[in-house]
Each structure stands twice: as structure tokens, then as C-alpha cells.
């Protein structure tokens, strides 16, 4: 059953991508290849039909995604979080104090040559 849903998911993703690319946008996109016979889709042309088809295929895609996730979880009953190894790191006993610095002066900065 999972294989069928997974194959259906791939097909729905491809069909949804093609439908979105066929729609007319501000730039022509792939809408030029959809044909010029507007009487097939009605008076508005393919815009209304493609919008409804996009909504329908998108809804089917979401429903199939939720069903696929539910069926996978039900069949395998595991999560990716189950594979995470959790180890505790022991805290250090004591942090040693930094060594005392000598109070010697830093070397003087070089003097710029004086011009006459």
C-alpha cells in the first residue's frame, strides 16, 4: 500500500508542476504551448479551468501526503528521532586557575622620524 501511495505522490507532484507551468502569468511561461482553442474551456479560456484543476490536484497532493505519513508511521512505528544517540558528557572536576602574569612593561612603540 505504501508503494502505491508513494508512486501516486510522485505522479501528483509532476502533474501539479506541469499544471502550474501551463498557467498564464505576467510572462508567458509555458502557457503558449497550451493551445489556442479557448472554446474547449468555455468563455474565460483555460484560466478558470486550470485554476480549478490546480486546486483539485493540490488538495489531492496534500491528502496523499498526510495519508502517506500516517500509513508509514502506522506500519513502521518508528521515527527518525529514535536513531539519535544521547550521551551525557561528564562535567570537569575543577577548572585550573590561569597562571599569574608577570607585570613587566610592554615594549615602547617606535617613534616616528621627525622632519626638519
PDB file of N, CA and C in Angstrom:
ATOM      1  N   UNK A   1       0.819  -1.198   0.000  1.00  0.00           N
ATOM      2  CA  UNK A   1       0.000   0.000   0.000  1.00  0.00           C
ATOM      3  C   UNK A   1       0.862   1.260   0.000  1.00  0.00           C
ATOM      4  N   UNK A   2       1.971   1.227   0.775  1.00  0.00           N
ATOM      5  CA  UNK A   2       2.837   2.393   0.827  1.00  0.00           C
ATOM      6  C   UNK A   2       3.478   2.673  -0.530  1.00  0.00           C
ATOM      7  N   UNK A   3       3.805   1.612  -1.263  1.00  0.00           N
ATOM      8  CA  UNK A   3       4.422   1.801  -2.571  1.00  0.00           C
ATOM      9  C   UNK A   3       3.449   2.501  -3.528  1.00  0.00           C
ATOM     10  N   UNK A   4       2.188   2.122  -3.466  1.00  0.00           N
ATOM     11  CA  UNK A   4       1.172   2.738  -4.326  1.00  0.00           C
ATOM     12  C   UNK A   4       1.012   4.215  -3.982  1.00  0.00           C
ATOM     13  N   UNK A   5       0.962   4.529  -2.693  1.00  0.00           N
ATOM     14  CA  UNK A   5       0.820   5.922  -2.274  1.00  0.00           C
ATOM     15  C   UNK A   5       2.060   6.739  -2.644  1.00  0.00           C
ATOM     16  N   UNK A   6       3.226   6.121  -2.541  1.00  0.00           N
ATOM     17  CA  UNK A   6       4.449   6.831  -2.886  1.00  0.00           C
ATOM     18  C   UNK A   6       4.521   7.120  -4.386  1.00  0.00           C
ATOM     19  N   UNK A   7       4.143   6.152  -5.203  1.00  0.00           N
ATOM     20  CA  UNK A   7       4.114   6.359  -6.657  1.00  0.00           C
ATOM     21  C   UNK A   7       3.074   7.417  -7.020  1.00  0.00           C
ATOM     22  N   UNK A   8       1.907   7.365  -6.364  1.00  0.00           N
ATOM     23  CA  UNK A   8       0.878   8.375  -6.582  1.00  0.00           C
ATOM     24  C   UNK A   8       1.377   9.764  -6.183  1.00  0.00           C
ATOM     25  N   UNK A   9       2.170   9.837  -5.121  1.00  0.00           N
ATOM     26  CA  UNK A   9       2.729  11.116  -4.676  1.00  0.00           C
ATOM     27  C   UNK A   9       3.658  11.699  -5.741  1.00  0.00           C
ATOM     28  N   UNK A  10       4.482  10.874  -6.335  1.00  0.00           N
ATOM     29  CA  UNK A  10       5.396  11.341  -7.385  1.00  0.00           C
ATOM     30  C   UNK A  10       4.604  11.814  -8.608  1.00  0.00           C
ATOM     31  N   UNK A  11       3.597  11.050  -8.990  1.00  0.00           N
ATOM     32  CA  UNK A  11       2.775  11.419 -10.148  1.00  0.00           C
ATOM     33  C   UNK A  11       2.041  12.734  -9.884  1.00  0.00           C
ATOM     34  N   UNK A  12       1.480  12.883  -8.679  1.00  0.00           N
ATOM     35  CA  UNK A  12       0.778  14.125  -8.344  1.00  0.00           C
ATOM     36  C   UNK A  12       1.726  15.320  -8.342  1.00  0.00           C
ATOM     37  N   UNK A  13       2.946  15.129  -7.884  1.00  0.00           N
ATOM     38  CA  UNK A  13       3.921  16.223  -7.873  1.00  0.00           C
ATOM     39  C   UNK A  13       4.266  16.656  -9.294  1.00  0.00           C
ATOM     40  N   UNK A  14       4.441  15.684 -10.187  1.00  0.00           N
ATOM     41  CA  UNK A  14       4.766  16.014 -11.577  1.00  0.00           C
ATOM     42  C   UNK A  14       3.583  16.712 -12.252  1.00  0.00           C
ATOM     43  N   UNK A  15       2.366  16.181 -12.058  1.00  0.00           N
ATOM     44  CA  UNK A  15       1.172  16.771 -12.673  1.00  0.00           C
ATOM     45  C   UNK A  15       0.940  18.177 -12.139  1.00  0.00           C
ATOM     46  N   UNK A  16       1.111  18.375 -10.846  1.00  0.00           N
ATOM     47  CA  UNK A  16       0.914  19.696 -10.251  1.00  0.00           C
ATOM     48  C   UNK A  16       1.932  20.693 -10.805  1.00  0.00           C
ATOM     49  N   UNK A  17       3.169  20.266 -10.976  1.00  0.00           N
ATOM     50  CA  UNK A  17       4.189  21.139 -11.552  1.00  0.00           C
ATOM     51  C   UNK A  17       3.836  21.538 -12.983  1.00  0.00           C
ATOM     52  N   UNK A  18       3.394  20.583 -13.775  1.00  0.00           N
ATOM     53  CA  UNK A  18       3.030  20.868 -15.166  1.00  0.00           C
ATOM     54  C   UNK A  18       1.835  21.818 -15.232  1.00  0.00           C
ATOM     55  N   UNK A  19       0.838  21.598 -14.383  1.00  0.00           N
ATOM     56  CA  UNK A  19      -0.354  22.459 -14.387  1.00  0.00           C
ATOM     57  C   UNK A  19       0.013  23.893 -14.019  1.00  0.00           C
ATOM     58  N   UNK A  20       0.878  24.051 -13.041  1.00  0.00           N
ATOM     59  CA  UNK A  20       1.280  25.395 -12.636  1.00  0.00           C
ATOM     60  C   UNK A  20       2.060  26.079 -13.763  1.00  0.00           C
ATOM     61  N   UNK A  21       2.913  25.323 -14.450  1.00  0.00           N
ATOM     62  CA  UNK A  21       3.686  25.911 -15.545  1.00  0.00           C
ATOM     63  C   UNK A  21       2.811  26.259 -16.748  1.00  0.00           C
ATOM     64  N   UNK A  22       1.697  25.584 -16.922  1.00  0.00           N
ATOM     65  CA  UNK A  22       0.812  25.874 -18.053  1.00  0.00           C
ATOM     66  C   UNK A  22      -0.018  27.129 -17.859  1.00  0.00           C
ATOM     67  N   UNK A  23      -0.144  27.579 -16.626  1.00  0.00           N
ATOM     68  CA  UNK A  23      -0.979  28.748 -16.361  1.00  0.00           C
ATOM     69  C   UNK A  23      -0.318  30.007 -16.871  1.00  0.00           C
ATOM     70  N   UNK A  24      -1.145  30.935 -17.297  1.00  0.00           N
ATOM     71  CA  UNK A  24      -0.659  32.199 -17.827  1.00  0.00           C
ATOM     72  C   UNK A  24      -0.217  33.083 -16.672  1.00  0.00           C
ATOM     73  N   UNK A  25       0.938  33.688 -16.837  1.00  0.00           N
ATOM     74  CA  UNK A  25       1.439  34.604 -15.822  1.00  0.00           C
ATOM     75  C   UNK A  25       1.787  35.920 -16.496  1.00  0.00           C
ATOM     76  N   UNK A  26       2.482  36.796 -15.779  1.00  0.00           N
ATOM     77  CA  UNK A  26       2.864  38.071 -16.381  1.00  0.00           C
ATOM     78  C   UNK A  26       3.826  37.839 -17.547  1.00  0.00           C
ATOM     79  N   UNK A  27       4.721  36.869 -17.394  1.00  0.00           N
ATOM     80  CA  UNK A  27       5.499  36.421 -18.542  1.00  0.00           C
ATOM     81  C   UNK A  27       4.784  35.179 -19.070  1.00  0.00           C
ATOM     82  N   UNK A  28       4.894  34.908 -20.327  1.00  0.00           N
ATOM     83  CA  UNK A  28       4.054  33.892 -20.943  1.00  0.00           C
ATOM     84  C   UNK A  28       4.330  32.485 -20.402  1.00  0.00           C
ATOM     85  N   UNK A  29       5.553  32.160 -19.985  1.00  0.00           N
ATOM     86  CA  UNK A  29       5.861  30.842 -19.440  1.00  0.00           C
ATOM     87  C   UNK A  29       5.578  29.743 -20.440  1.00  0.00           C
ATOM     88  N   UNK A  30       5.080  28.616 -19.991  1.00  0.00           N
ATOM     89  CA  UNK A  30       4.722  27.522 -20.884  1.00  0.00           C
ATOM     90  C   UNK A  30       3.270  27.601 -21.323  1.00  0.00           C
ATOM     91  N   UNK A  31       2.582  28.682 -20.980  1.00  0.00           N
ATOM     92  CA  UNK A  31       1.193  28.840 -21.373  1.00  0.00           C
ATOM     93  C   UNK A  31       1.010  28.922 -22.875  1.00  0.00           C
ATOM     94  N   UNK A  32       2.056  29.280 -23.602  1.00  0.00           N
ATOM     95  CA  UNK A  32       1.971  29.373 -25.057  1.00  0.00           C
ATOM     96  C   UNK A  32       1.772  27.996 -25.680  1.00  0.00           C
ATOM     97  N   UNK A  33       2.184  26.972 -24.998  1.00  0.00           N
ATOM     98  CA  UNK A  33       2.082  25.621 -25.540  1.00  0.00           C
ATOM     99  C   UNK A  33       0.751  24.949 -25.212  1.00  0.00           C
ATOM    100  N   UNK A  34      -0.121  25.636 -24.482  1.00  0.00           N
ATOM    101  CA  UNK A  34      -1.383  25.009 -24.089  1.00  0.00           C
ATOM    102  C   UNK A  34      -2.412  25.016 -25.211  1.00  0.00           C
ATOM    103  N   UNK A  35      -2.134  25.723 -26.274  1.00  0.00           N
ATOM    104  CA  UNK A  35      -3.061  25.743 -27.406  1.00  0.00           C
ATOM    105  C   UNK A  35      -3.907  26.990 -27.407  1.00  0.00           C
ATOM    106  N   UNK A  36      -4.543  27.247 -28.528  1.00  0.00           N
ATOM    107  CA  UNK A  36      -5.330  28.476 -28.635  1.00  0.00           C
ATOM    108  C   UNK A  36      -6.818  28.200 -28.742  1.00  0.00           C
ATOM    109  N   UNK A  37      -7.267  26.992 -28.595  1.00  0.00           N
ATOM    110  CA  UNK A  37      -8.675  26.666 -28.707  1.00  0.00           C
ATOM    111  C   UNK A  37      -9.357  26.957 -27.367  1.00  0.00           C
ATOM    112  N   UNK A  38      -9.858  28.167 -27.200  1.00  0.00           N
ATOM    113  CA  UNK A  38     -10.461  28.566 -25.939  1.00  0.00           C
ATOM    114  C   UNK A  38     -11.886  28.068 -25.786  1.00  0.00           C
ATOM    115  N   UNK A  39     -12.520  27.637 -26.856  1.00  0.00           N
ATOM    116  CA  UNK A  39     -13.896  27.167 -26.749  1.00  0.00           C
ATOM    117  C   UNK A  39     -13.980  25.852 -25.987  1.00  0.00           C
ATOM    118  N   UNK A  40     -12.891  25.126 -25.899  1.00  0.00           N
ATOM    119  CA  UNK A  40     -12.871  23.873 -25.146  1.00  0.00           C
ATOM    120  C   UNK A  40     -13.087  24.125 -23.659  1.00  0.00           C
ATOM    121  N   UNK A  41     -12.544  25.246 -23.146  1.00  0.00           N
ATOM    122  CA  UNK A  41     -12.615  25.528 -21.726  1.00  0.00           C
ATOM    123  C   UNK A  41     -13.739  26.487 -21.358  1.00  0.00           C
ATOM    124  N   UNK A  42     -14.420  27.061 -22.326  1.00  0.00           N
ATOM    125  CA  UNK A  42     -15.501  27.996 -22.052  1.00  0.00           C
ATOM    126  C   UNK A  42     -15.123  29.402 -22.469  1.00  0.00           C
ATOM    127  N   UNK A  43     -15.953  30.383 -22.059  1.00  0.00           N
ATOM    128  CA  UNK A  43     -15.759  31.768 -22.491  1.00  0.00           C
ATOM    129  C   UNK A  43     -14.517  32.399 -21.877  1.00  0.00           C
ATOM    130  N   UNK A  44     -14.158  32.006 -20.652  1.00  0.00           N
ATOM    131  CA  UNK A  44     -13.000  32.600 -19.987  1.00  0.00           C
ATOM    132  C   UNK A  44     -11.685  32.036 -20.509  1.00  0.00           C
ATOM    133  N   UNK A  45     -11.724  30.955 -21.197  1.00  0.00           N
ATOM    134  CA  UNK A  45     -10.495  30.324 -21.655  1.00  0.00           C
ATOM    135  C   UNK A  45      -9.980  29.340 -20.615  1.00  0.00           C
ATOM    136  N   UNK A  46      -8.723  28.961 -20.723  1.00  0.00           N
ATOM    137  CA  UNK A  46      -8.189  27.936 -19.826  1.00  0.00           C
ATOM    138  C   UNK A  46      -7.892  28.439 -18.424  1.00  0.00           C
ATOM    139  N   UNK A  47      -7.957  29.739 -18.171  1.00  0.00           N
ATOM    140  CA  UNK A  47      -7.574  30.273 -16.863  1.00  0.00           C
ATOM    141  C   UNK A  47      -8.429  29.709 -15.735  1.00  0.00           C
ATOM    142  N   UNK A  48      -9.751  29.736 -15.893  1.00  0.00           N
ATOM    143  CA  UNK A  48     -10.629  29.226 -14.837  1.00  0.00           C
ATOM    144  C   UNK A  48     -10.506  27.722 -14.660  1.00  0.00           C
ATOM    145  N   UNK A  49     -10.405  27.012 -15.785  1.00  0.00           N
ATOM    146  CA  UNK A  49     -10.279  25.555 -15.730  1.00  0.00           C
ATOM    147  C   UNK A  49      -8.970  25.142 -15.067  1.00  0.00           C
ATOM    148  N   UNK A  50      -7.866  25.795 -15.444  1.00  0.00           N
ATOM    149  CA  UNK A  50      -6.564  25.437 -14.867  1.00  0.00           C
ATOM    150  C   UNK A  50      -6.483  25.809 -13.386  1.00  0.00           C
ATOM    151  N   UNK A  51      -7.144  26.889 -12.988  1.00  0.00           N
ATOM    152  CA  UNK A  51      -7.142  27.263 -11.571  1.00  0.00           C
ATOM    153  C   UNK A  51      -7.878  26.214 -10.741  1.00  0.00           C
ATOM    154  N   UNK A  52      -9.028  25.743 -11.259  1.00  0.00           N
ATOM    155  CA  UNK A  52      -9.782  24.709 -10.543  1.00  0.00           C
ATOM    156  C   UNK A  52      -9.016  23.388 -10.513  1.00  0.00           C
ATOM    157  N   UNK A  53      -8.365  23.070 -11.634  1.00  0.00           N
ATOM    158  CA  UNK A  53      -7.580  21.838 -11.700  1.00  0.00           C
ATOM    159  C   UNK A  53      -6.379  21.901 -10.760  1.00  0.00           C
ATOM    160  N   UNK A  54      -5.752  23.067 -10.670  1.00  0.00           N
ATOM    161  CA  UNK A  54      -4.624  23.237  -9.750  1.00  0.00           C
ATOM    162  C   UNK A  54      -5.070  23.048  -8.310  1.00  0.00           C
ATOM    163  N   UNK A  55      -6.202  23.626  -7.954  1.00  0.00           N
ATOM    164  CA  UNK A  55      -6.723  23.476  -6.600  1.00  0.00           C
ATOM    165  C   UNK A  55      -7.035  22.021  -6.293  1.00  0.00           C
ATOM    166  N   UNK A  56      -7.651  21.328  -7.241  1.00  0.00           N
ATOM    167  CA  UNK A  56      -8.025  19.930  -7.023  1.00  0.00           C
ATOM    168  C   UNK A  56      -6.794  19.043  -6.875  1.00  0.00           C
ATOM    169  N   UNK A  57      -5.837  19.190  -7.779  1.00  0.00           N
ATOM    170  CA  UNK A  57      -4.625  18.359  -7.707  1.00  0.00           C
ATOM    171  C   UNK A  57      -3.814  18.716  -6.460  1.00  0.00           C
ATOM    172  N   UNK A  58      -3.791  19.991  -6.084  1.00  0.00           N
ATOM    173  CA  UNK A  58      -3.104  20.389  -4.861  1.00  0.00           C
ATOM    174  C   UNK A  58      -3.740  19.787  -3.623  1.00  0.00           C
ATOM    175  N   UNK A  59      -5.062  19.770  -3.583  1.00  0.00           N
ATOM    176  CA  UNK A  59      -5.762  19.155  -2.444  1.00  0.00           C
ATOM    177  C   UNK A  59      -5.488  17.655  -2.390  1.00  0.00           C
ATOM    178  N   UNK A  60      -5.503  16.988  -3.552  1.00  0.00           N
ATOM    179  CA  UNK A  60      -5.174  15.558  -3.591  1.00  0.00           C
ATOM    180  C   UNK A  60      -3.741  15.307  -3.130  1.00  0.00           C
ATOM    181  N   UNK A  61      -2.832  16.194  -3.504  1.00  0.00           N
ATOM    182  CA  UNK A  61      -1.433  16.069  -3.096  1.00  0.00           C
ATOM    183  C   UNK A  61      -1.301  16.161  -1.577  1.00  0.00           C
ATOM    184  N   UNK A  62      -1.992  17.126  -0.970  1.00  0.00           N
ATOM    185  CA  UNK A  62      -1.923  17.294   0.484  1.00  0.00           C
ATOM    186  C   UNK A  62      -2.556  16.107   1.202  1.00  0.00           C
ATOM    187  N   UNK A  63      -3.706  15.654   0.721  1.00  0.00           N
ATOM    188  CA  UNK A  63      -4.367  14.499   1.337  1.00  0.00           C
ATOM    189  C   UNK A  63      -3.488  13.252   1.226  1.00  0.00           C
ATOM    190  N   UNK A  64      -2.855  13.067   0.060  1.00  0.00           N
ATOM    191  CA  UNK A  64      -1.981  11.908  -0.124  1.00  0.00           C
ATOM    192  C   UNK A  64      -0.744  12.009   0.772  1.00  0.00           C
ATOM    193  N   UNK A  65      -0.230  13.214   0.970  1.00  0.00           N
ATOM    194  CA  UNK A  65       0.930  13.394   1.847  1.00  0.00           C
ATOM    195  C   UNK A  65       0.589  13.020   3.285  1.00  0.00           C
ATOM    196  N   UNK A  66      -0.555  13.476   3.766  1.00  0.00           N
ATOM    197  CA  UNK A  66      -0.971  13.158   5.140  1.00  0.00           C
ATOM    198  C   UNK A  66      -1.229  11.662   5.282  1.00  0.00           C
ATOM    199  N   UNK A  67      -1.890  11.067   4.285  1.00  0.00           N
ATOM    200  CA  UNK A  67      -2.167   9.625   4.330  1.00  0.00           C
ATOM    201  C   UNK A  67      -0.874   8.822   4.289  1.00  0.00           C
ATOM    202  N   UNK A  68       0.062   9.236   3.458  1.00  0.00           N
ATOM    203  CA  UNK A  68       1.340   8.544   3.351  1.00  0.00           C
ATOM    204  C   UNK A  68       2.105   8.610   4.675  1.00  0.00           C
ATOM    205  N   UNK A  69       2.108   9.762   5.308  1.00  0.00           N
ATOM    206  CA  UNK A  69       2.767   9.888   6.606  1.00  0.00           C
ATOM    207  C   UNK A  69       2.106   9.046   7.676  1.00  0.00           C
ATOM    208  N   UNK A  70       0.776   9.023   7.682  1.00  0.00           N
ATOM    209  CA  UNK A  70       0.049   8.232   8.676  1.00  0.00           C
ATOM    210  C   UNK A  70       0.294   6.734   8.479  1.00  0.00           C
ATOM    211  N   UNK A  71       0.224   6.295   7.220  1.00  0.00           N
ATOM    212  CA  UNK A  71       0.414   4.862   6.940  1.00  0.00           C
ATOM    213  C   UNK A  71       1.845   4.419   7.241  1.00  0.00           C
ATOM    214  N   UNK A  72       2.817   5.260   6.924  1.00  0.00           N
ATOM    215  CA  UNK A  72       4.209   4.914   7.208  1.00  0.00           C
ATOM    216  C   UNK A  72       4.432   4.799   8.703  1.00  0.00           C
ATOM    217  N   UNK A  73       3.892   5.738   9.457  1.00  0.00           N
ATOM    218  CA  UNK A  73       4.053   5.708  10.910  1.00  0.00           C
ATOM    219  C   UNK A  73       3.346   4.510  11.519  1.00  0.00           C
ATOM    220  N   UNK A  74       2.200   4.167  10.966  1.00  0.00           N
ATOM    221  CA  UNK A  74       1.446   3.026  11.487  1.00  0.00           C
ATOM    222  C   UNK A  74       2.166   1.708  11.192  1.00  0.00           C
ATOM    223  N   UNK A  75       2.752   1.586   9.997  1.00  0.00           N
ATOM    224  CA  UNK A  75       3.398   0.329   9.608  1.00  0.00           C
ATOM    225  C   UNK A  75       4.755   0.134  10.284  1.00  0.00           C
ATOM    226  N   UNK A  76       5.571   1.159  10.293  1.00  0.00           N
ATOM    227  CA  UNK A  76       6.924   1.007  10.828  1.00  0.00           C
ATOM    228  C   UNK A  76       7.038   1.423  12.283  1.00  0.00           C
ATOM    229  N   UNK A  77       6.136   2.244  12.758  1.00  0.00           N
ATOM    230  CA  UNK A  77       6.067   2.670  14.152  1.00  0.00           C
ATOM    231  C   UNK A  77       7.423   3.126  14.682  1.00  0.00           C
ATOM    232  N   UNK A  78       8.125   3.917  13.884  1.00  0.00           N
ATOM    233  CA  UNK A  78       9.384   4.475  14.345  1.00  0.00           C
ATOM    234  C   UNK A  78       9.540   5.867  13.764  1.00  0.00           C
ATOM    235  N   UNK A  79      10.442   6.595  14.362  1.00  0.00           N
ATOM    236  CA  UNK A  79      10.691   7.962  13.945  1.00  0.00           C
ATOM    237  C   UNK A  79      12.187   8.142  13.751  1.00  0.00           C
ATOM    238  N   UNK A  80      12.557   9.163  13.046  1.00  0.00           N
ATOM    239  CA  UNK A  80      13.971   9.441  12.854  1.00  0.00           C
ATOM    240  C   UNK A  80      14.619   9.867  14.167  1.00  0.00           C
ATOM    241  N   UNK A  81      13.818  10.367  15.098  1.00  0.00           N
ATOM    242  CA  UNK A  81      14.333  10.783  16.396  1.00  0.00           C
ATOM    243  C   UNK A  81      14.782   9.568  17.203  1.00  0.00           C
ATOM    244  N   UNK A  82      14.242   8.381  16.903  1.00  0.00           N
ATOM    245  CA  UNK A  82      14.641   7.178  17.623  1.00  0.00           C
ATOM    246  C   UNK A  82      16.097   6.810  17.361  1.00  0.00           C
ATOM    247  N   UNK A  83      16.682   7.288  16.281  1.00  0.00           N
ATOM    248  CA  UNK A  83      18.056   6.935  15.932  1.00  0.00           C
ATOM    249  C   UNK A  83      19.099   7.861  16.539  1.00  0.00           C
ATOM    250  N   UNK A  84      18.674   8.923  17.210  1.00  0.00           N
ATOM    251  CA  UNK A  84      19.613   9.877  17.787  1.00  0.00           C
ATOM    252  C   UNK A  84      20.211   9.292  19.050  1.00  0.00           C
ATOM    253  N   UNK A  85      21.557   9.288  19.085  1.00  0.00           N
ATOM    254  CA  UNK A  85      22.247   8.789  20.279  1.00  0.00           C
ATOM    255  C   UNK A  85      22.393   9.943  21.265  1.00  0.00           C
ATOM    256  N   UNK A  86      21.998   9.679  22.493  1.00  0.00           N
ATOM    257  CA  UNK A  86      22.135  10.697  23.525  1.00  0.00           C
ATOM    258  C   UNK A  86      23.148  10.201  24.539  1.00  0.00           C
ATOM    259  N   UNK A  87      24.235  10.902  24.646  1.00  0.00           N
ATOM    260  CA  UNK A  87      25.271  10.567  25.618  1.00  0.00           C
ATOM    261  C   UNK A  87      25.483  11.777  26.505  1.00  0.00           C
ATOM    262  N   UNK A  88      25.729  11.520  27.767  1.00  0.00           N
ATOM    263  CA  UNK A  88      25.997  12.624  28.678  1.00  0.00           C
ATOM    264  C   UNK A  88      27.496  12.854  28.736  1.00  0.00           C
ATOM    265  N   UNK A  89      27.874  14.086  28.739  1.00  0.00           N
ATOM    266  CA  UNK A  89      29.284  14.454  28.832  1.00  0.00           C
ATOM    267  C   UNK A  89      29.558  14.830  30.278  1.00  0.00           C
ATOM    268  N   UNK A  90      30.536  14.151  30.912  1.00  0.00           N
ATOM    269  CA  UNK A  90      30.810  14.470  32.320  1.00  0.00           C
ATOM    270  C   UNK A  90      31.399  15.873  32.455  1.00  0.00           C
ATOM    271  N   UNK A  91      30.986  16.559  33.504  1.00  0.00           N
ATOM    272  CA  UNK A  91      31.490  17.910  33.767  1.00  0.00           C
ATOM    273  C   UNK A  91      32.894  17.809  34.342  1.00  0.00           C
ATOM    274  N   UNK A  92      33.769  18.753  34.037  1.00  0.00           N
ATOM    275  CA  UNK A  92      35.123  18.719  34.607  1.00  0.00           C
ATOM    276  C   UNK A  92      35.068  18.926  36.119  1.00  0.00           C
ATOM    277  N   UNK A  93      36.001  18.274  36.829  1.00  0.00           N
ATOM    278  CA  UNK A  93      36.005  18.347  38.290  1.00  0.00           C
ATOM    279  C   UNK A  93      36.329  19.762  38.770  1.00  0.00           C
ATOM    280  N   UNK A  94      37.395  20.318  38.282  1.00  0.00           N
ATOM    281  CA  UNK A  94      37.766  21.673  38.684  1.00  0.00           C
ATOM    282  C   UNK A  94      38.498  22.326  37.524  1.00  0.00           C
ATOM    283  N   UNK A  95      38.284  23.592  37.367  1.00  0.00           N
ATOM    284  CA  UNK A  95      38.963  24.330  36.316  1.00  0.00           C
ATOM    285  C   UNK A  95      40.198  24.968  36.928  1.00  0.00           C
ATOM    286  N   UNK A  96      41.399  24.659  36.390  1.00  0.00           N
ATOM    287  CA  UNK A  96      42.609  25.251  36.982  1.00  0.00           C
ATOM    288  C   UNK A  96      42.659  26.751  36.736  1.00  0.00           C
ATOM    289  N   UNK A  97      43.243  27.469  37.691  1.00  0.00           N
ATOM    290  CA  UNK A  97      43.356  28.918  37.585  1.00  0.00           C
ATOM    291  C   UNK A  97      44.421  29.255  36.549  1.00  0.00           C
ATOM    292  N   UNK A  98      44.238  30.337  35.821  1.00  0.00           N
ATOM    293  CA  UNK A  98      45.256  30.710  34.833  1.00  0.00           C
ATOM    294  C   UNK A  98      46.545  31.132  35.538  1.00  0.00           C
ATOM    295  N   UNK A  99      47.678  30.918  34.896  1.00  0.00           N
ATOM    296  CA  UNK A  99      48.942  31.294  35.548  1.00  0.00           C
ATOM    297  C   UNK A  99      49.019  32.810  35.724  1.00  0.00           C
ATOM    298  N   UNK A 100      49.698  33.216  36.804  1.00  0.00           N
ATOM    299  CA  UNK A 100      49.830  34.644  37.089  1.00  0.00           C
ATOM    300  C   UNK A 100      50.765  35.265  36.061  1.00  0.00           C
ATOM    301  N   UNK A 101      50.371  36.403  35.544  1.00  0.00           N
ATOM    302  CA  UNK A 101      51.185  37.078  34.534  1.00  0.00           C
ATOM    303  C   UNK A 101      52.193  37.987  35.222  1.00  0.00           C
ATOM    304  N   UNK A 102      53.352  38.086  34.614  1.00  0.00           N
ATOM    305  CA  UNK A 102      54.360  38.995  35.170  1.00  0.00           C
ATOM    306  C   UNK A 102      53.965  40.426  34.834  1.00  0.00           C
ATOM    307  N   UNK A 103      54.387  41.346  35.665  1.00  0.00           N
ATOM    308  CA  UNK A 103      53.981  42.732  35.492  1.00  0.00           C
ATOM    309  C   UNK A 103      55.053  43.519  34.761  1.00  0.00           C
ATOM    310  N   UNK A 104      55.704  42.915  33.781  1.00  0.00           N
ATOM    311  CA  UNK A 104      56.705  43.639  33.004  1.00  0.00           C
ATOM    312  C   UNK A 104      55.999  44.551  32.023  1.00  0.00           C
ATOM    313  N   UNK A 105      56.664  45.649  31.712  1.00  0.00           N
ATOM    314  CA  UNK A 105      56.068  46.616  30.818  1.00  0.00           C
ATOM    315  C   UNK A 105      56.201  46.137  29.383  1.00  0.00           C
ATOM    316  N   UNK A 106      55.261  46.524  28.606  1.00  0.00           N
ATOM    317  CA  UNK A 106      55.310  46.194  27.189  1.00  0.00           C
ATOM    318  C   UNK A 106      56.359  47.070  26.528  1.00  0.00           C
ATOM    319  N   UNK A 107      56.976  46.619  25.447  1.00  0.00           N
ATOM    320  CA  UNK A 107      57.973  47.445  24.772  1.00  0.00           C
ATOM    321  C   UNK A 107      57.329  48.716  24.225  1.00  0.00           C
ATOM    322  N   UNK A 108      58.118  49.753  24.196  1.00  0.00           N
ATOM    323  CA  UNK A 108      57.614  51.048  23.744  1.00  0.00           C
ATOM    324  C   UNK A 108      57.394  51.012  22.245  1.00  0.00           C
ATOM    325  N   UNK A 109      56.421  51.801  21.789  1.00  0.00           N
ATOM    326  CA  UNK A 109      56.137  51.884  20.365  1.00  0.00           C
ATOM    327  C   UNK A 109      57.254  52.657  19.686  1.00  0.00           C
ATOM    328  N   UNK A 110      57.586  52.294  18.458  1.00  0.00           N
ATOM    329  CA  UNK A 110      58.661  53.025  17.765  1.00  0.00           C
ATOM    330  C   UNK A 110      58.252  54.476  17.494  1.00  0.00           C
ATOM    331  N   UNK A 111      59.222  55.354  17.557  1.00  0.00           N
ATOM    332  CA  UNK A 111      58.981  56.773  17.329  1.00  0.00           C
ATOM    333  C   UNK A 111      59.029  57.065  15.851  1.00  0.00           C
ATOM    334  N   UNK A 112      58.158  57.955  15.412  1.00  0.00           N
ATOM    335  CA  UNK A 112      58.157  58.359  14.013  1.00  0.00           C
ATOM    336  C   UNK A 112      59.304  59.338  13.804  1.00  0.00           C
ATOM    337  N   UNK A 113      60.002  59.254  12.674  1.00  0.00           N
ATOM    338  CA  UNK A 113      61.132  60.188  12.431  1.00  0.00           C
ATOM    339  C   UNK A 113      60.601  61.614  12.297  1.00  0.00           C
ATOM    340  N   UNK A 114      61.356  62.532  12.872  1.00  0.00           N
ATOM    341  CA  UNK A 114      60.949  63.939  12.845  1.00  0.00           C
ATOM    342  C   UNK A 114      61.519  64.591  11.595  1.00  0.00           C
ATOM    343  N   UNK A 115      60.712  65.384  10.942  1.00  0.00           N
ATOM    344  CA  UNK A 115      61.171  66.101   9.751  1.00  0.00           C
ATOM    345  C   UNK A 115      61.545  67.524  10.123  1.00  0.00           C
ATOM    346  N   UNK A 116      62.541  68.087   9.460  1.00  0.00           N
ATOM    347  CA  UNK A 116      63.002  69.451   9.755  1.00  0.00           C
ATOM    348  C   UNK A 116      62.438  70.453   8.836  1.00  0.00           C
TER     349      UNK A 116
END
